[in-house]
Amino acid sequence: MRSSTGSVYAGRPESTVMKVFGLVGNPVEHSLSPPMHEAAYAERGIDARYVTFEPDPRAIESAIEGAAALGIAGLNVTIPFKQDVLAVVDPGDLAARIGAVNTIDFSTDPPSGYNTDAAGVTRAFAHHDVAIEGRTAVVVGAGGAGRAAAFALADEGATVAIANRTVERARDLAGEIPGATGHGLDALPDLVADADLLVNATSVGMEEDRSPVPAGALHADLAVLDAVYSPLRTRLLRDAGAAGALTIDGAWMLLYQGVEAFERWTGETAPVGAMNAALRERV
């Protein structure tokens, strides 16, 4: 699939009418991104569509090269490909540090890779008027979402503690972030008691009505963001609300990672209200 110039991306066809954006992952059939992004295109009068692609997991690099050759304008990337696509994009500094790309811009050669999950965290807090700088934050989980949250909060000036089921993984991640500390889940009661911000970056609460954080550790001085958005009111958020904490559901994080991607792709200010309405109609 390489061109005569030696680069698969050089001289790729430019879209002359309708732009195509999309999501690549496996599976993606239940994604809420298409209605959210298409609402933004309609609001801004952009002739574009947002579609989903589900390539064979063994062929992701070929899929990205094919998207470039076909003139796809931009792609979001989800599980299980966020690490794999690093091999075929030029990652931005934050994406390189996090070790994951969830947004690709094909306007450059090679394509540029970004991580907008980090912006999903910080912009969700900002939308709720929650300051990050100078605060103490606890991130539960050291996987992809946990890495994005931890780096994002630290970059905004928070002191970050990471708690994970496998303590070695939490400590490894903490070692990459100045001032961060890594812990096992058994440390959560003490960590949360002294925290201002709490982010659940695990899937706990999605399939079962349970929380990764003991209810007794929650308090009224916390702002709690749960990355889980189905259900919207997880056990963690219900417990946090009962303790008087400010609660932020996972749809806000999903929204703002999409807002960041839209703005990178189009250079326009995202119509956040239209995107949020489209998302919450379906969540």
C-alpha atoms as a PDB file:
ATOM      1  CA  MET A   1       0.000   0.000   0.000  1.00  0.00           C
ATOM      2  CA  ARG A   2       3.025   2.283  -0.133  1.00  0.00           C
ATOM      3  CA  SER A   3       3.157   5.064  -2.708  1.00  0.00           C
ATOM      4  CA  SER A   4       5.986   5.649  -5.166  1.00  0.00           C
ATOM      5  CA  THR A   5       7.357   8.355  -2.858  1.00  0.00           C
ATOM      6  CA  GLY A   6       8.032   5.737  -0.186  1.00  0.00           C
ATOM      7  CA  SER A   7       5.292   6.823   2.206  1.00  0.00           C
ATOM      8  CA  VAL A   8       1.854   5.278   2.339  1.00  0.00           C
ATOM      9  CA  TYR A   9       0.518   8.692   3.382  1.00  0.00           C
ATOM     10  CA  ALA A  10       2.169  10.859   0.718  1.00  0.00           C
ATOM     11  CA  GLY A  11      -0.186  11.995  -1.994  1.00  0.00           C
ATOM     12  CA  ARG A  12      -3.246  10.362  -0.498  1.00  0.00           C
ATOM     13  CA  PRO A  13      -6.495  11.557  -2.062  1.00  0.00           C
ATOM     14  CA  GLU A  14      -8.096  14.586  -0.481  1.00  0.00           C
ATOM     15  CA  SER A  15     -11.819  14.565   0.182  1.00  0.00           C
ATOM     16  CA  THR A  16     -13.404  17.166  -2.107  1.00  0.00           C
ATOM     17  CA  VAL A  17     -16.920  17.113  -0.705  1.00  0.00           C
ATOM     18  CA  MET A  18     -17.940  15.093   2.317  1.00  0.00           C
ATOM     19  CA  LYS A  19     -15.393  14.363   5.020  1.00  0.00           C
ATOM     20  CA  VAL A  20     -15.411  11.011   6.740  1.00  0.00           C
ATOM     21  CA  PHE A  21     -14.465  10.563  10.373  1.00  0.00           C
ATOM     22  CA  GLY A  22     -14.968   7.497  12.466  1.00  0.00           C
ATOM     23  CA  LEU A  23     -14.153   5.080  15.236  1.00  0.00           C
ATOM     24  CA  VAL A  24     -11.956   2.003  14.949  1.00  0.00           C
ATOM     25  CA  GLY A  25     -12.213  -0.690  17.585  1.00  0.00           C
ATOM     26  CA  ASN A  26     -13.415  -4.213  18.228  1.00  0.00           C
ATOM     27  CA  PRO A  27     -16.237  -4.298  19.180  1.00  0.00           C
ATOM     28  CA  VAL A  28     -17.791  -0.916  18.319  1.00  0.00           C
ATOM     29  CA  GLU A  29     -21.409  -1.710  17.507  1.00  0.00           C
ATOM     30  CA  HIS A  30     -22.771  -0.031  20.646  1.00  0.00           C
ATOM     31  CA  SER A  31     -20.629   3.111  20.429  1.00  0.00           C
ATOM     32  CA  LEU A  32     -22.268   6.408  21.354  1.00  0.00           C
ATOM     33  CA  SER A  33     -19.712   8.438  19.396  1.00  0.00           C
ATOM     34  CA  PRO A  34     -21.524   8.539  15.997  1.00  0.00           C
ATOM     35  CA  PRO A  35     -24.637  10.447  17.162  1.00  0.00           C
ATOM     36  CA  MET A  36     -22.513  12.777  19.295  1.00  0.00           C
ATOM     37  CA  HIS A  37     -20.170  13.727  16.454  1.00  0.00           C
ATOM     38  CA  GLU A  38     -22.854  13.906  13.776  1.00  0.00           C
ATOM     39  CA  ALA A  39     -24.821  16.297  15.979  1.00  0.00           C
ATOM     40  CA  ALA A  40     -21.723  18.502  16.034  1.00  0.00           C
ATOM     41  CA  TYR A  41     -21.353  18.417  12.235  1.00  0.00           C
ATOM     42  CA  ALA A  42     -25.012  19.338  11.810  1.00  0.00           C
ATOM     43  CA  GLU A  43     -24.745  22.191  14.329  1.00  0.00           C
ATOM     44  CA  ARG A  44     -21.639  23.613  12.628  1.00  0.00           C
ATOM     45  CA  GLY A  45     -22.813  23.008   9.052  1.00  0.00           C
ATOM     46  CA  ILE A  46     -19.941  20.635   8.276  1.00  0.00           C
ATOM     47  CA  ASP A  47     -20.512  18.152   5.450  1.00  0.00           C
ATOM     48  CA  ALA A  48     -19.227  15.056   7.213  1.00  0.00           C
ATOM     49  CA  ARG A  49     -20.169  11.622   8.454  1.00  0.00           C
ATOM     50  CA  TYR A  50     -18.934   9.609  11.432  1.00  0.00           C
ATOM     51  CA  VAL A  51     -18.849   5.850  10.932  1.00  0.00           C
ATOM     52  CA  THR A  52     -17.537   2.816  12.812  1.00  0.00           C
ATOM     53  CA  PHE A  53     -14.922   0.314  11.673  1.00  0.00           C
ATOM     54  CA  GLU A  54     -14.233  -3.080  13.242  1.00  0.00           C
ATOM     55  CA  PRO A  55     -11.034  -4.485  11.697  1.00  0.00           C
ATOM     56  CA  ASP A  56      -9.446  -7.809  12.462  1.00  0.00           C
ATOM     57  CA  PRO A  57      -7.258  -7.252  15.548  1.00  0.00           C
ATOM     58  CA  ARG A  58      -4.305  -8.678  13.611  1.00  0.00           C
ATOM     59  CA  ALA A  59      -4.639  -6.103  10.841  1.00  0.00           C
ATOM     60  CA  ILE A  60      -4.871  -2.764  12.634  1.00  0.00           C
ATOM     61  CA  GLU A  61      -1.738  -1.271  11.057  1.00  0.00           C
ATOM     62  CA  SER A  62      -3.035  -2.136   7.573  1.00  0.00           C
ATOM     63  CA  ALA A  63      -6.409  -0.697   8.521  1.00  0.00           C
ATOM     64  CA  ILE A  64      -4.880   2.656   9.490  1.00  0.00           C
ATOM     65  CA  GLU A  65      -2.804   2.743   6.294  1.00  0.00           C
ATOM     66  CA  GLY A  66      -5.955   1.925   4.314  1.00  0.00           C
ATOM     67  CA  ALA A  67      -7.867   4.722   6.028  1.00  0.00           C
ATOM     68  CA  ALA A  68      -5.132   7.144   5.014  1.00  0.00           C
ATOM     69  CA  ALA A  69      -5.179   5.931   1.421  1.00  0.00           C
ATOM     70  CA  LEU A  70      -8.965   6.278   1.265  1.00  0.00           C
ATOM     71  CA  GLY A  71      -8.895   9.866   2.472  1.00  0.00           C
ATOM     72  CA  ILE A  72     -10.439   9.341   5.902  1.00  0.00           C
ATOM     73  CA  ALA A  73     -10.068  12.676   7.707  1.00  0.00           C
ATOM     74  CA  GLY A  74      -9.802  11.414  11.278  1.00  0.00           C
ATOM     75  CA  LEU A  75     -10.359   8.403  13.479  1.00  0.00           C
ATOM     76  CA  ASN A  76     -11.036   7.803  17.115  1.00  0.00           C
ATOM     77  CA  VAL A  77      -9.441   4.618  18.433  1.00  0.00           C
ATOM     78  CA  THR A  78     -10.811   2.404  21.175  1.00  0.00           C
ATOM     79  CA  ILE A  79     -10.128  -0.993  22.734  1.00  0.00           C
ATOM     80  CA  PRO A  80      -8.096  -3.013  21.824  1.00  0.00           C
ATOM     81  CA  PHE A  81      -6.112  -0.755  19.474  1.00  0.00           C
ATOM     82  CA  LYS A  82      -5.003   2.285  21.494  1.00  0.00           C
ATOM     83  CA  GLN A  83      -1.474   0.951  21.950  1.00  0.00           C
ATOM     84  CA  ASP A  84      -1.164  -0.826  18.585  1.00  0.00           C
ATOM     85  CA  VAL A  85      -1.675   2.331  16.508  1.00  0.00           C
ATOM     86  CA  LEU A  86       1.377   3.969  18.079  1.00  0.00           C
ATOM     87  CA  ALA A  87       3.426   2.098  15.462  1.00  0.00           C
ATOM     88  CA  VAL A  88       1.796   3.931  12.530  1.00  0.00           C
ATOM     89  CA  VAL A  89       1.291   7.485  13.834  1.00  0.00           C
ATOM     90  CA  ASP A  90       3.424  10.339  15.088  1.00  0.00           C
ATOM     91  CA  PRO A  91       2.211  10.586  18.699  1.00  0.00           C
ATOM     92  CA  GLY A  92       1.993  13.896  20.496  1.00  0.00           C
ATOM     93  CA  ASP A  93       3.948  14.290  23.706  1.00  0.00           C
ATOM     94  CA  LEU A  94       1.022  13.446  25.987  1.00  0.00           C
ATOM     95  CA  ALA A  95      -0.029  10.400  23.949  1.00  0.00           C
ATOM     96  CA  ALA A  96       3.567   9.158  23.978  1.00  0.00           C
ATOM     97  CA  ARG A  97       3.820   9.541  27.758  1.00  0.00           C
ATOM     98  CA  ILE A  98       0.473   7.869  28.356  1.00  0.00           C
ATOM     99  CA  GLY A  99       1.386   5.146  25.879  1.00  0.00           C
ATOM    100  CA  ALA A 100      -1.964   5.232  24.101  1.00  0.00           C
ATOM    101  CA  VAL A 101      -3.586   7.032  21.171  1.00  0.00           C
ATOM    102  CA  ASN A 102      -7.339   7.459  20.890  1.00  0.00           C
ATOM    103  CA  THR A 103      -7.506  10.141  18.175  1.00  0.00           C
ATOM    104  CA  ILE A 104      -5.782  10.190  14.780  1.00  0.00           C
ATOM    105  CA  ASP A 105      -5.561  13.208  12.472  1.00  0.00           C
ATOM    106  CA  PHE A 106      -4.759  12.256   8.864  1.00  0.00           C
ATOM    107  CA  SER A 107      -4.000  15.801   7.709  1.00  0.00           C
ATOM    108  CA  THR A 108      -0.298  15.260   8.467  1.00  0.00           C
ATOM    109  CA  ASP A 109       2.264  12.854   7.044  1.00  0.00           C
ATOM    110  CA  PRO A 110       2.545  10.542   8.926  1.00  0.00           C
ATOM    111  CA  PRO A 111      -0.798  10.882  10.737  1.00  0.00           C
ATOM    112  CA  SER A 112      -0.711  12.592  14.125  1.00  0.00           C
ATOM    113  CA  GLY A 113      -1.815  10.644  17.186  1.00  0.00           C
ATOM    114  CA  TYR A 114      -3.348  12.222  20.272  1.00  0.00           C
ATOM    115  CA  ASN A 115      -4.844  11.119  23.568  1.00  0.00           C
ATOM    116  CA  THR A 116      -8.052  13.040  24.230  1.00  0.00           C
ATOM    117  CA  ASP A 117      -9.069  10.828  27.169  1.00  0.00           C
ATOM    118  CA  ALA A 118      -6.849  13.065  29.300  1.00  0.00           C
ATOM    119  CA  ALA A 119      -8.811  16.129  28.196  1.00  0.00           C
ATOM    120  CA  GLY A 120     -11.998  14.214  28.931  1.00  0.00           C
ATOM    121  CA  VAL A 121     -10.953  14.089  32.577  1.00  0.00           C
ATOM    122  CA  THR A 122      -9.748  17.665  32.988  1.00  0.00           C
ATOM    123  CA  ARG A 123     -12.572  19.242  30.991  1.00  0.00           C
ATOM    124  CA  ALA A 124     -15.194  17.232  32.895  1.00  0.00           C
ATOM    125  CA  PHE A 125     -13.849  18.652  36.151  1.00  0.00           C
ATOM    126  CA  ALA A 126     -13.642  22.165  34.660  1.00  0.00           C
ATOM    127  CA  HIS A 127     -17.262  21.969  33.457  1.00  0.00           C
ATOM    128  CA  HIS A 128     -18.284  21.380  37.071  1.00  0.00           C
ATOM    129  CA  ASP A 129     -16.089  24.255  38.306  1.00  0.00           C
ATOM    130  CA  VAL A 130     -13.699  21.906  40.080  1.00  0.00           C
ATOM    131  CA  ALA A 131     -10.121  23.184  40.337  1.00  0.00           C
ATOM    132  CA  ILE A 132      -7.282  20.694  39.855  1.00  0.00           C
ATOM    133  CA  GLU A 133      -4.135  22.703  40.520  1.00  0.00           C
ATOM    134  CA  GLY A 134      -2.849  22.240  44.053  1.00  0.00           C
ATOM    135  CA  ARG A 135      -5.336  19.485  44.841  1.00  0.00           C
ATOM    136  CA  THR A 136      -4.734  15.935  46.012  1.00  0.00           C
ATOM    137  CA  ALA A 137      -6.168  13.370  43.603  1.00  0.00           C
ATOM    138  CA  VAL A 138      -6.732   9.633  43.848  1.00  0.00           C
ATOM    139  CA  VAL A 139      -7.000   7.587  40.653  1.00  0.00           C
ATOM    140  CA  VAL A 140      -8.383   4.066  40.955  1.00  0.00           C
ATOM    141  CA  GLY A 141      -6.970   1.874  38.193  1.00  0.00           C
ATOM    142  CA  ALA A 142      -3.679   1.798  36.315  1.00  0.00           C
ATOM    143  CA  GLY A 143      -4.912   0.656  32.908  1.00  0.00           C
ATOM    144  CA  GLY A 144      -5.419   2.872  29.857  1.00  0.00           C
ATOM    145  CA  ALA A 145      -8.029   5.160  31.418  1.00  0.00           C
ATOM    146  CA  GLY A 146      -6.088   5.295  34.677  1.00  0.00           C
ATOM    147  CA  ARG A 147      -2.890   6.279  32.885  1.00  0.00           C
ATOM    148  CA  ALA A 148      -4.706   9.059  31.011  1.00  0.00           C
ATOM    149  CA  ALA A 149      -6.322  10.345  34.205  1.00  0.00           C
ATOM    150  CA  ALA A 150      -3.124  10.235  36.238  1.00  0.00           C
ATOM    151  CA  PHE A 151      -1.031  12.082  33.662  1.00  0.00           C
ATOM    152  CA  ALA A 152      -3.801  14.613  33.008  1.00  0.00           C
ATOM    153  CA  LEU A 153      -4.281  15.476  36.679  1.00  0.00           C
ATOM    154  CA  ALA A 154      -0.538  15.681  37.353  1.00  0.00           C
ATOM    155  CA  ASP A 155      -0.022  17.932  34.326  1.00  0.00           C
ATOM    156  CA  GLU A 156      -2.697  20.258  35.728  1.00  0.00           C
ATOM    157  CA  GLY A 157      -0.862  20.549  39.045  1.00  0.00           C
ATOM    158  CA  ALA A 158      -2.469  17.893  41.228  1.00  0.00           C
ATOM    159  CA  THR A 159      -0.593  15.533  43.517  1.00  0.00           C
ATOM    160  CA  VAL A 160      -1.640  12.074  42.355  1.00  0.00           C
ATOM    161  CA  ALA A 161      -1.999   8.784  44.207  1.00  0.00           C
ATOM    162  CA  ILE A 162      -2.770   5.700  42.119  1.00  0.00           C
ATOM    163  CA  ALA A 163      -4.493   2.661  43.616  1.00  0.00           C
ATOM    164  CA  ASN A 164      -4.718  -0.564  41.676  1.00  0.00           C
ATOM    165  CA  ARG A 165      -5.580  -4.214  42.301  1.00  0.00           C
ATOM    166  CA  THR A 166      -2.015  -5.122  41.277  1.00  0.00           C
ATOM    167  CA  VAL A 167       0.112  -2.789  43.380  1.00  0.00           C
ATOM    168  CA  GLU A 168       3.212  -3.240  41.211  1.00  0.00           C
ATOM    169  CA  ARG A 169       1.349  -1.806  38.242  1.00  0.00           C
ATOM    170  CA  ALA A 170       0.284   1.210  40.278  1.00  0.00           C
ATOM    171  CA  ARG A 171       3.837   1.773  41.428  1.00  0.00           C
ATOM    172  CA  ASP A 172       5.203   1.429  37.894  1.00  0.00           C
ATOM    173  CA  LEU A 173       2.789   4.087  36.655  1.00  0.00           C
ATOM    174  CA  ALA A 174       3.541   6.346  39.611  1.00  0.00           C
ATOM    175  CA  GLY A 175       7.230   6.078  38.750  1.00  0.00           C
ATOM    176  CA  GLU A 176       6.507   7.778  35.421  1.00  0.00           C
ATOM    177  CA  ILE A 177       4.741  10.758  37.018  1.00  0.00           C
ATOM    178  CA  PRO A 178       6.665  13.252  39.170  1.00  0.00           C
ATOM    179  CA  GLY A 179       5.409  13.256  42.748  1.00  0.00           C
ATOM    180  CA  ALA A 180       2.913  10.422  42.234  1.00  0.00           C
ATOM    181  CA  THR A 181       2.614   7.393  44.515  1.00  0.00           C
ATOM    182  CA  GLY A 182       1.368   3.862  43.838  1.00  0.00           C
ATOM    183  CA  HIS A 183      -0.718   1.729  46.199  1.00  0.00           C
ATOM    184  CA  GLY A 184      -2.901  -1.326  46.469  1.00  0.00           C
ATOM    185  CA  LEU A 185      -6.675  -1.050  46.796  1.00  0.00           C
ATOM    186  CA  ASP A 186      -6.402  -1.648  50.526  1.00  0.00           C
ATOM    187  CA  ALA A 187      -4.914   1.845  50.873  1.00  0.00           C
ATOM    188  CA  LEU A 188      -8.043   3.544  49.488  1.00  0.00           C
ATOM    189  CA  PRO A 189      -9.704   4.435  52.814  1.00  0.00           C
ATOM    190  CA  ASP A 190      -6.671   6.420  53.954  1.00  0.00           C
ATOM    191  CA  LEU A 191      -5.959   7.910  50.522  1.00  0.00           C
ATOM    192  CA  VAL A 192      -9.534   9.047  49.919  1.00  0.00           C
ATOM    193  CA  ALA A 193      -9.870  10.509  53.406  1.00  0.00           C
ATOM    194  CA  ASP A 194      -7.182  13.062  52.529  1.00  0.00           C
ATOM    195  CA  ALA A 195      -8.168  13.613  48.878  1.00  0.00           C
ATOM    196  CA  ASP A 196      -9.924  16.439  47.081  1.00  0.00           C
ATOM    197  CA  LEU A 197     -10.484  14.598  43.799  1.00  0.00           C
ATOM    198  CA  LEU A 198     -11.331  10.960  43.083  1.00  0.00           C
ATOM    199  CA  VAL A 199     -11.432   9.277  39.668  1.00  0.00           C
ATOM    200  CA  ASN A 200     -12.629   5.727  39.123  1.00  0.00           C
ATOM    201  CA  ALA A 201     -10.806   4.616  35.964  1.00  0.00           C
ATOM    202  CA  THR A 202     -11.813   0.954  36.250  1.00  0.00           C
ATOM    203  CA  SER A 203     -14.851  -0.856  34.883  1.00  0.00           C
ATOM    204  CA  VAL A 204     -16.111  -1.675  38.391  1.00  0.00           C
ATOM    205  CA  GLY A 205     -19.736  -0.608  38.553  1.00  0.00           C
ATOM    206  CA  MET A 206     -20.502  -1.331  34.904  1.00  0.00           C
ATOM    207  CA  GLU A 207     -21.652  -4.947  35.072  1.00  0.00           C
ATOM    208  CA  GLU A 208     -22.412  -5.199  38.784  1.00  0.00           C
ATOM    209  CA  ASP A 209     -23.894  -2.790  41.300  1.00  0.00           C
ATOM    210  CA  ARG A 210     -20.733  -2.357  43.323  1.00  0.00           C
ATOM    211  CA  SER A 211     -18.086   0.287  43.939  1.00  0.00           C
ATOM    212  CA  PRO A 212     -14.278   0.125  43.932  1.00  0.00           C
ATOM    213  CA  VAL A 213     -14.169   2.525  46.900  1.00  0.00           C
ATOM    214  CA  PRO A 214     -15.541   1.800  50.400  1.00  0.00           C
ATOM    215  CA  ALA A 215     -18.539   4.045  51.036  1.00  0.00           C
ATOM    216  CA  GLY A 216     -17.219   5.004  54.452  1.00  0.00           C
ATOM    217  CA  ALA A 217     -14.133   6.597  52.912  1.00  0.00           C
ATOM    218  CA  LEU A 218     -16.143   9.142  50.919  1.00  0.00           C
ATOM    219  CA  HIS A 219     -16.728  12.625  52.289  1.00  0.00           C
ATOM    220  CA  ALA A 220     -18.325  15.957  51.452  1.00  0.00           C
ATOM    221  CA  ASP A 221     -15.088  17.666  50.388  1.00  0.00           C
ATOM    222  CA  LEU A 222     -14.588  15.311  47.442  1.00  0.00           C
ATOM    223  CA  ALA A 223     -15.313  15.750  43.751  1.00  0.00           C
ATOM    224  CA  VAL A 224     -15.842  12.266  42.297  1.00  0.00           C
ATOM    225  CA  LEU A 225     -15.612  11.389  38.593  1.00  0.00           C
ATOM    226  CA  ASP A 226     -16.569   7.873  37.534  1.00  0.00           C
ATOM    227  CA  ALA A 227     -15.397   6.911  34.036  1.00  0.00           C
ATOM    228  CA  VAL A 228     -18.223   4.350  33.837  1.00  0.00           C
ATOM    229  CA  TYR A 229     -21.193   5.810  31.940  1.00  0.00           C
ATOM    230  CA  SER A 230     -23.467   2.777  31.765  1.00  0.00           C
ATOM    231  CA  PRO A 231     -25.160   3.066  34.174  1.00  0.00           C
ATOM    232  CA  LEU A 232     -24.870   6.798  34.679  1.00  0.00           C
ATOM    233  CA  ARG A 233     -25.515   6.627  38.415  1.00  0.00           C
ATOM    234  CA  THR A 234     -23.085   3.977  39.546  1.00  0.00           C
ATOM    235  CA  ARG A 235     -22.869   2.683  43.097  1.00  0.00           C
ATOM    236  CA  LEU A 236     -19.779   4.861  43.597  1.00  0.00           C
ATOM    237  CA  LEU A 237     -21.632   8.021  42.569  1.00  0.00           C
ATOM    238  CA  ARG A 238     -24.665   7.146  44.669  1.00  0.00           C
ATOM    239  CA  ASP A 239     -22.443   6.536  47.702  1.00  0.00           C
ATOM    240  CA  ALA A 240     -20.524   9.759  47.009  1.00  0.00           C
ATOM    241  CA  GLY A 241     -23.721  11.749  46.681  1.00  0.00           C
ATOM    242  CA  ALA A 242     -24.992  10.356  49.960  1.00  0.00           C
ATOM    243  CA  ALA A 243     -21.742  11.516  51.589  1.00  0.00           C
ATOM    244  CA  GLY A 244     -22.291  15.033  50.244  1.00  0.00           C
ATOM    245  CA  ALA A 245     -19.592  14.861  47.549  1.00  0.00           C
ATOM    246  CA  LEU A 246     -19.888  16.495  44.142  1.00  0.00           C
ATOM    247  CA  THR A 247     -20.476  13.754  41.575  1.00  0.00           C
ATOM    248  CA  ILE A 248     -19.597  13.695  37.857  1.00  0.00           C
ATOM    249  CA  ASP A 249     -20.887  10.833  35.721  1.00  0.00           C
ATOM    250  CA  GLY A 250     -18.840   9.148  33.019  1.00  0.00           C
ATOM    251  CA  ALA A 251     -20.822  10.645  30.139  1.00  0.00           C
ATOM    252  CA  TRP A 252     -19.057  13.949  30.841  1.00  0.00           C
ATOM    253  CA  MET A 253     -15.675  12.322  30.280  1.00  0.00           C
ATOM    254  CA  LEU A 254     -16.960  10.640  27.113  1.00  0.00           C
ATOM    255  CA  LEU A 255     -18.368  13.947  25.915  1.00  0.00           C
ATOM    256  CA  TYR A 256     -15.226  15.982  26.443  1.00  0.00           C
ATOM    257  CA  GLN A 257     -12.854  13.467  24.877  1.00  0.00           C
ATOM    258  CA  GLY A 258     -15.122  13.729  21.814  1.00  0.00           C
ATOM    259  CA  VAL A 259     -15.170  17.519  22.032  1.00  0.00           C
ATOM    260  CA  GLU A 260     -11.370  17.571  22.042  1.00  0.00           C
ATOM    261  CA  ALA A 261     -11.222  15.248  19.017  1.00  0.00           C
ATOM    262  CA  PHE A 262     -13.752  17.354  17.094  1.00  0.00           C
ATOM    263  CA  GLU A 263     -11.774  20.520  17.742  1.00  0.00           C
ATOM    264  CA  ARG A 264      -8.491  18.920  16.657  1.00  0.00           C
ATOM    265  CA  TRP A 265     -10.032  17.609  13.445  1.00  0.00           C
ATOM    266  CA  THR A 266     -11.986  20.690  12.403  1.00  0.00           C
ATOM    267  CA  GLY A 267     -10.234  23.656  14.014  1.00  0.00           C
ATOM    268  CA  GLU A 268     -13.650  24.863  15.172  1.00  0.00           C
ATOM    269  CA  THR A 269     -15.073  25.298  18.653  1.00  0.00           C
ATOM    270  CA  ALA A 270     -17.206  22.267  19.400  1.00  0.00           C
ATOM    271  CA  PRO A 271     -20.956  22.762  19.984  1.00  0.00           C
ATOM    272  CA  VAL A 272     -20.824  21.159  23.414  1.00  0.00           C
ATOM    273  CA  GLY A 273     -24.536  21.570  24.104  1.00  0.00           C
ATOM    274  CA  ALA A 274     -25.598  19.785  20.913  1.00  0.00           C
ATOM    275  CA  MET A 275     -23.085  17.000  21.456  1.00  0.00           C
ATOM    276  CA  ASN A 276     -24.150  16.537  25.067  1.00  0.00           C
ATOM    277  CA  ALA A 277     -27.845  16.426  24.141  1.00  0.00           C
ATOM    278  CA  ALA A 278     -27.235  13.798  21.453  1.00  0.00           C
ATOM    279  CA  LEU A 279     -25.137  11.719  23.825  1.00  0.00           C
ATOM    280  CA  ARG A 280     -27.577  11.815  26.736  1.00  0.00           C
ATOM    281  CA  GLU A 281     -30.493  10.862  24.503  1.00  0.00           C
ATOM    282  CA  ARG A 282     -28.802   7.502  24.051  1.00  0.00           C
ATOM    283  CA  VAL A 283     -26.800   6.856  27.212  1.00  0.00           C
END
